[in-house]
N, C-alpha and C. Protein backbone atom coordinates (compact mmCIF):
# COMPACT_ATOMS: atom_id res chain seq x y z
N UNK A 1 77.13 72.83 82.34
CA UNK A 1 76.20 72.97 83.41
C UNK A 1 74.84 72.60 82.93
N UNK A 2 74.14 71.76 83.67
CA UNK A 2 72.81 71.31 83.29
C UNK A 2 71.83 72.45 83.40
N UNK A 3 70.95 72.55 82.40
CA UNK A 3 69.92 73.61 82.40
C UNK A 3 68.82 73.17 83.32
N UNK A 4 68.63 73.87 84.40
CA UNK A 4 67.66 73.46 85.44
C UNK A 4 66.39 74.32 85.37
N UNK A 5 65.94 74.61 84.16
CA UNK A 5 64.73 75.40 84.02
C UNK A 5 63.94 74.94 82.82
N UNK A 6 62.71 75.37 82.82
CA UNK A 6 61.88 75.19 81.64
C UNK A 6 61.22 76.52 81.32
N UNK A 7 60.84 76.69 80.10
CA UNK A 7 60.22 77.93 79.68
C UNK A 7 58.75 77.89 80.00
N UNK A 8 58.25 78.88 80.67
CA UNK A 8 56.81 78.94 80.99
C UNK A 8 56.08 79.50 79.80
N UNK A 9 54.77 79.64 79.89
CA UNK A 9 53.96 80.15 78.77
C UNK A 9 54.36 81.59 78.40
N UNK A 10 54.70 82.42 79.40
CA UNK A 10 55.17 83.75 79.13
C UNK A 10 56.65 83.63 78.79
N UNK A 11 57.03 84.15 77.64
CA UNK A 11 58.40 83.98 77.15
C UNK A 11 59.45 84.58 78.05
N UNK A 12 59.09 85.62 78.85
CA UNK A 12 60.03 86.28 79.72
C UNK A 12 60.22 85.55 81.05
N UNK A 13 59.34 84.64 81.39
CA UNK A 13 59.43 83.93 82.63
C UNK A 13 60.01 82.55 82.42
N UNK A 14 60.93 82.19 83.31
CA UNK A 14 61.48 80.85 83.28
C UNK A 14 61.30 80.25 84.68
N UNK A 15 60.86 78.99 84.68
CA UNK A 15 60.63 78.33 85.95
C UNK A 15 61.77 77.40 86.30
N UNK A 16 62.30 77.59 87.48
CA UNK A 16 63.39 76.76 87.99
C UNK A 16 62.82 75.41 88.42
N UNK A 17 63.71 74.39 88.58
CA UNK A 17 63.25 73.08 89.05
C UNK A 17 62.67 73.15 90.45
N UNK A 18 62.94 74.23 91.18
CA UNK A 18 62.35 74.35 92.51
C UNK A 18 60.86 74.66 92.42
N UNK A 19 60.40 74.95 91.20
CA UNK A 19 58.95 75.19 90.95
C UNK A 19 58.59 76.66 90.94
N UNK A 20 59.53 77.53 91.28
CA UNK A 20 59.24 78.95 91.36
C UNK A 20 59.74 79.59 90.07
N UNK A 21 59.13 80.74 89.72
CA UNK A 21 59.63 81.52 88.60
C UNK A 21 60.97 82.08 88.98
N UNK A 22 61.94 81.93 88.08
CA UNK A 22 63.28 82.44 88.39
C UNK A 22 63.29 83.93 88.64
N UNK A 23 64.20 84.35 89.46
CA UNK A 23 64.31 85.78 89.81
C UNK A 23 65.26 86.44 88.78
N UNK A 24 64.87 87.58 88.29
CA UNK A 24 65.74 88.38 87.41
C UNK A 24 66.49 89.40 88.25
N UNK A 25 67.80 89.35 88.16
CA UNK A 25 68.64 90.25 88.93
C UNK A 25 69.60 90.99 88.00
N UNK A 26 70.32 91.94 88.54
CA UNK A 26 71.31 92.73 87.76
C UNK A 26 72.67 92.54 88.35
N UNK A 27 73.63 92.20 87.50
CA UNK A 27 75.01 92.06 87.91
C UNK A 27 75.64 93.47 87.95
N UNK A 28 76.45 93.72 88.96
CA UNK A 28 77.19 94.94 89.02
C UNK A 28 78.69 94.66 89.16
N UNK A 29 79.12 93.47 88.68
CA UNK A 29 80.53 93.16 88.71
C UNK A 29 81.26 93.95 87.63
N UNK A 30 82.55 94.03 87.73
CA UNK A 30 83.34 94.81 86.75
C UNK A 30 83.26 94.20 85.36
N UNK A 31 83.17 92.87 85.28
CA UNK A 31 83.04 92.21 83.97
C UNK A 31 81.66 92.25 83.33
N UNK A 32 80.66 92.41 84.14
CA UNK A 32 79.27 92.39 83.66
C UNK A 32 78.43 93.51 84.27
N UNK A 33 78.87 94.75 84.16
CA UNK A 33 78.08 95.85 84.80
C UNK A 33 76.72 96.03 84.17
N UNK A 34 75.71 96.08 84.98
CA UNK A 34 74.31 96.30 84.63
C UNK A 34 73.75 95.26 83.70
N UNK A 35 74.36 94.06 83.69
CA UNK A 35 73.88 92.95 82.87
C UNK A 35 72.88 92.10 83.69
N UNK A 36 71.68 91.93 83.11
CA UNK A 36 70.64 91.18 83.82
C UNK A 36 70.84 89.66 83.63
N UNK A 37 70.48 88.92 84.66
CA UNK A 37 70.50 87.46 84.59
C UNK A 37 69.35 86.85 85.39
N UNK A 38 69.07 85.63 85.17
CA UNK A 38 68.05 84.87 85.93
C UNK A 38 68.72 83.81 86.74
N UNK A 39 68.12 83.58 87.92
CA UNK A 39 68.67 82.54 88.80
C UNK A 39 67.57 82.06 89.70
N UNK A 40 67.91 80.98 90.42
CA UNK A 40 66.96 80.43 91.40
C UNK A 40 66.55 81.50 92.38
N UNK A 41 65.26 81.57 92.65
CA UNK A 41 64.75 82.57 93.59
C UNK A 41 65.32 82.38 94.99
N UNK A 42 65.80 81.18 95.26
CA UNK A 42 66.31 80.85 96.61
C UNK A 42 67.83 80.87 96.66
N UNK A 43 68.46 81.60 95.75
CA UNK A 43 69.94 81.71 95.71
C UNK A 43 70.44 82.12 97.09
N UNK A 44 71.49 81.44 97.52
CA UNK A 44 72.12 81.72 98.83
C UNK A 44 71.63 80.81 99.93
N UNK A 45 70.57 80.06 99.66
CA UNK A 45 70.05 79.10 100.67
C UNK A 45 70.54 77.72 100.29
N UNK A 46 70.66 76.85 101.29
CA UNK A 46 71.13 75.47 101.00
C UNK A 46 70.23 74.72 100.02
N UNK A 47 68.96 75.04 99.98
CA UNK A 47 68.03 74.28 99.10
C UNK A 47 67.88 74.94 97.74
N UNK A 48 68.73 75.91 97.41
CA UNK A 48 68.65 76.57 96.08
C UNK A 48 69.20 75.68 95.01
N UNK A 49 68.69 75.87 93.82
CA UNK A 49 69.16 75.13 92.64
C UNK A 49 70.22 75.98 91.97
N UNK A 50 71.07 75.38 91.15
CA UNK A 50 72.13 76.07 90.44
C UNK A 50 71.69 76.66 89.12
N UNK A 51 70.42 77.05 89.03
CA UNK A 51 69.93 77.62 87.78
C UNK A 51 70.50 79.02 87.57
N UNK A 52 71.00 79.26 86.33
CA UNK A 52 71.55 80.55 86.00
C UNK A 52 71.48 80.72 84.50
N UNK A 53 71.02 81.88 84.03
CA UNK A 53 71.08 82.19 82.60
C UNK A 53 71.10 83.71 82.45
N UNK A 54 71.83 84.18 81.42
CA UNK A 54 71.92 85.61 81.15
C UNK A 54 70.70 86.02 80.39
N UNK A 55 70.17 87.20 80.70
CA UNK A 55 69.05 87.80 80.02
C UNK A 55 69.60 88.68 78.87
N UNK A 56 70.67 89.38 79.21
CA UNK A 56 71.29 90.33 78.27
C UNK A 56 72.54 89.72 77.66
N UNK A 57 72.87 90.20 76.44
CA UNK A 57 74.11 89.74 75.79
C UNK A 57 75.32 90.32 76.55
N UNK A 58 76.51 89.78 76.32
CA UNK A 58 77.68 90.39 76.96
C UNK A 58 77.84 91.85 76.60
N UNK A 59 78.25 92.69 77.52
CA UNK A 59 78.43 94.10 77.22
C UNK A 59 79.63 94.33 76.33
N UNK A 60 79.53 95.35 75.49
CA UNK A 60 80.66 95.77 74.68
C UNK A 60 81.76 96.30 75.56
N UNK A 61 83.03 96.07 75.24
CA UNK A 61 84.11 96.55 76.10
C UNK A 61 84.07 98.06 76.38
N UNK A 62 83.71 98.86 75.40
CA UNK A 62 83.59 100.30 75.60
C UNK A 62 82.49 100.61 76.61
N UNK A 63 81.36 99.91 76.51
CA UNK A 63 80.27 100.08 77.45
C UNK A 63 80.72 99.75 78.84
N UNK A 64 81.45 98.62 79.00
CA UNK A 64 81.97 98.24 80.33
C UNK A 64 82.86 99.35 80.91
N UNK A 65 83.72 99.92 80.10
CA UNK A 65 84.60 100.98 80.57
C UNK A 65 83.80 102.19 81.05
N UNK A 66 82.80 102.59 80.25
CA UNK A 66 81.98 103.73 80.61
C UNK A 66 81.20 103.50 81.90
N UNK A 67 80.51 102.36 81.97
CA UNK A 67 79.69 102.03 83.18
C UNK A 67 80.59 101.92 84.39
N UNK A 68 81.71 101.22 84.27
CA UNK A 68 82.56 101.06 85.43
C UNK A 68 83.13 102.41 85.88
N UNK A 69 83.45 103.28 84.92
CA UNK A 69 83.90 104.65 85.29
C UNK A 69 82.81 105.39 86.03
N UNK A 70 81.59 105.32 85.52
CA UNK A 70 80.47 106.03 86.18
C UNK A 70 80.22 105.47 87.58
N UNK A 71 80.34 104.13 87.70
CA UNK A 71 80.15 103.52 89.03
C UNK A 71 81.26 103.98 90.01
N UNK A 72 82.47 104.08 89.54
CA UNK A 72 83.54 104.55 90.41
C UNK A 72 83.30 105.99 90.85
N UNK A 73 82.85 106.86 89.89
CA UNK A 73 82.50 108.24 90.25
C UNK A 73 81.38 108.27 91.25
N UNK A 74 80.33 107.46 91.00
CA UNK A 74 79.22 107.45 91.96
C UNK A 74 79.64 107.04 93.35
N UNK A 75 80.52 106.01 93.41
CA UNK A 75 81.04 105.57 94.70
C UNK A 75 81.86 106.65 95.37
N UNK A 76 82.68 107.33 94.57
CA UNK A 76 83.50 108.44 95.13
C UNK A 76 82.60 109.54 95.64
N UNK A 77 81.56 109.89 94.84
CA UNK A 77 80.60 110.94 95.29
C UNK A 77 79.89 110.50 96.57
N UNK A 78 79.52 109.23 96.63
CA UNK A 78 78.88 108.72 97.82
C UNK A 78 79.79 108.83 99.02
N UNK A 79 81.08 108.51 98.82
CA UNK A 79 82.04 108.62 99.93
C UNK A 79 82.20 110.07 100.36
N UNK A 80 82.20 110.99 99.42
CA UNK A 80 82.32 112.41 99.74
C UNK A 80 81.07 112.84 100.53
N UNK A 81 79.91 112.38 100.08
CA UNK A 81 78.66 112.74 100.78
C UNK A 81 78.68 112.23 102.20
N UNK A 82 79.10 111.03 102.41
CA UNK A 82 79.20 110.44 103.72
C UNK A 82 80.14 111.28 104.62
N UNK A 83 81.32 111.64 104.05
CA UNK A 83 82.27 112.44 104.81
C UNK A 83 81.70 113.81 105.16
N UNK A 84 80.99 114.43 104.21
CA UNK A 84 80.39 115.72 104.46
C UNK A 84 79.30 115.62 105.56
N UNK A 85 78.54 114.60 105.55
CA UNK A 85 77.52 114.43 106.58
C UNK A 85 78.18 114.23 107.96
N UNK A 86 79.29 113.50 108.00
CA UNK A 86 80.01 113.32 109.24
C UNK A 86 80.57 114.65 109.76
N UNK A 87 81.15 115.44 108.82
CA UNK A 87 81.68 116.73 109.23
C UNK A 87 80.56 117.66 109.71
N UNK A 88 79.43 117.65 109.04
CA UNK A 88 78.29 118.48 109.47
C UNK A 88 77.82 118.07 110.85
N UNK A 89 77.76 116.75 111.10
CA UNK A 89 77.34 116.29 112.43
C UNK A 89 78.35 116.71 113.49
N UNK A 90 79.64 116.59 113.15
CA UNK A 90 80.71 117.01 114.07
C UNK A 90 80.61 118.50 114.32
N UNK A 91 80.36 119.28 113.29
CA UNK A 91 80.19 120.72 113.42
C UNK A 91 79.00 121.04 114.35
N UNK A 92 77.93 120.34 114.21
CA UNK A 92 76.74 120.56 115.06
C UNK A 92 77.09 120.23 116.52
N UNK A 93 77.85 119.18 116.74
CA UNK A 93 78.26 118.81 118.08
C UNK A 93 79.15 119.88 118.71
N UNK A 94 80.10 120.35 117.93
CA UNK A 94 81.01 121.43 118.43
C UNK A 94 80.16 122.67 118.83
N UNK A 95 79.20 123.06 118.00
CA UNK A 95 78.39 124.23 118.31
C UNK A 95 77.59 124.00 119.58
N UNK A 96 77.04 122.77 119.75
CA UNK A 96 76.31 122.49 120.98
C UNK A 96 77.20 122.51 122.19
N UNK A 97 78.44 122.05 122.08
CA UNK A 97 79.40 122.10 123.20
C UNK A 97 79.69 123.55 123.56
N UNK A 98 79.96 124.38 122.55
CA UNK A 98 80.21 125.80 122.80
C UNK A 98 79.04 126.47 123.46
N UNK A 99 77.78 126.13 123.04
CA UNK A 99 76.62 126.75 123.66
C UNK A 99 76.50 126.31 125.10
N UNK A 100 76.76 125.04 125.40
CA UNK A 100 76.66 124.54 126.77
C UNK A 100 77.73 125.22 127.63
N UNK A 101 78.95 125.37 127.09
CA UNK A 101 80.01 126.04 127.82
C UNK A 101 79.62 127.48 128.09
N UNK A 102 79.03 128.18 127.12
CA UNK A 102 78.59 129.57 127.31
C UNK A 102 77.56 129.66 128.41
N UNK A 103 76.64 128.73 128.43
CA UNK A 103 75.59 128.74 129.47
C UNK A 103 76.22 128.53 130.88
N UNK A 104 77.16 127.56 130.95
CA UNK A 104 77.83 127.26 132.19
C UNK A 104 78.59 128.47 132.67
N UNK A 105 79.37 129.09 131.79
CA UNK A 105 80.15 130.25 132.15
C UNK A 105 79.26 131.37 132.59
N UNK A 106 78.14 131.59 131.95
CA UNK A 106 77.22 132.66 132.28
C UNK A 106 76.64 132.45 133.70
N UNK A 107 76.26 131.25 133.99
CA UNK A 107 75.63 131.00 135.31
C UNK A 107 76.62 130.80 136.45
N UNK A 108 77.82 130.30 136.15
CA UNK A 108 78.81 130.03 137.18
C UNK A 108 79.55 131.31 137.55
N UNK A 109 79.87 132.12 136.58
CA UNK A 109 80.70 133.30 136.89
C UNK A 109 79.83 134.49 136.91
């Protein structure tokens, strides 16, 4: 793959052929969890360049296992939190329905 960047005066910044400083992003894939990389700032657009370079070295296999395990736990916790919020909202709706029914029964009978 052709290197489509040049090094700017600041060692941490790399300029893509599009003329913009490359964007530093973080990969959250299973093979490269929390590994930073640089790419064209316009990634995803038709006019983006294919510039790509890793900032960090490849993660150690043990590190990948730990990070991926933590990410799975965080996703599971997030799913539990979402379910609990839905149940709480449903509980609030049920209480409101019972209160409305009590008011109707009180005034109708």
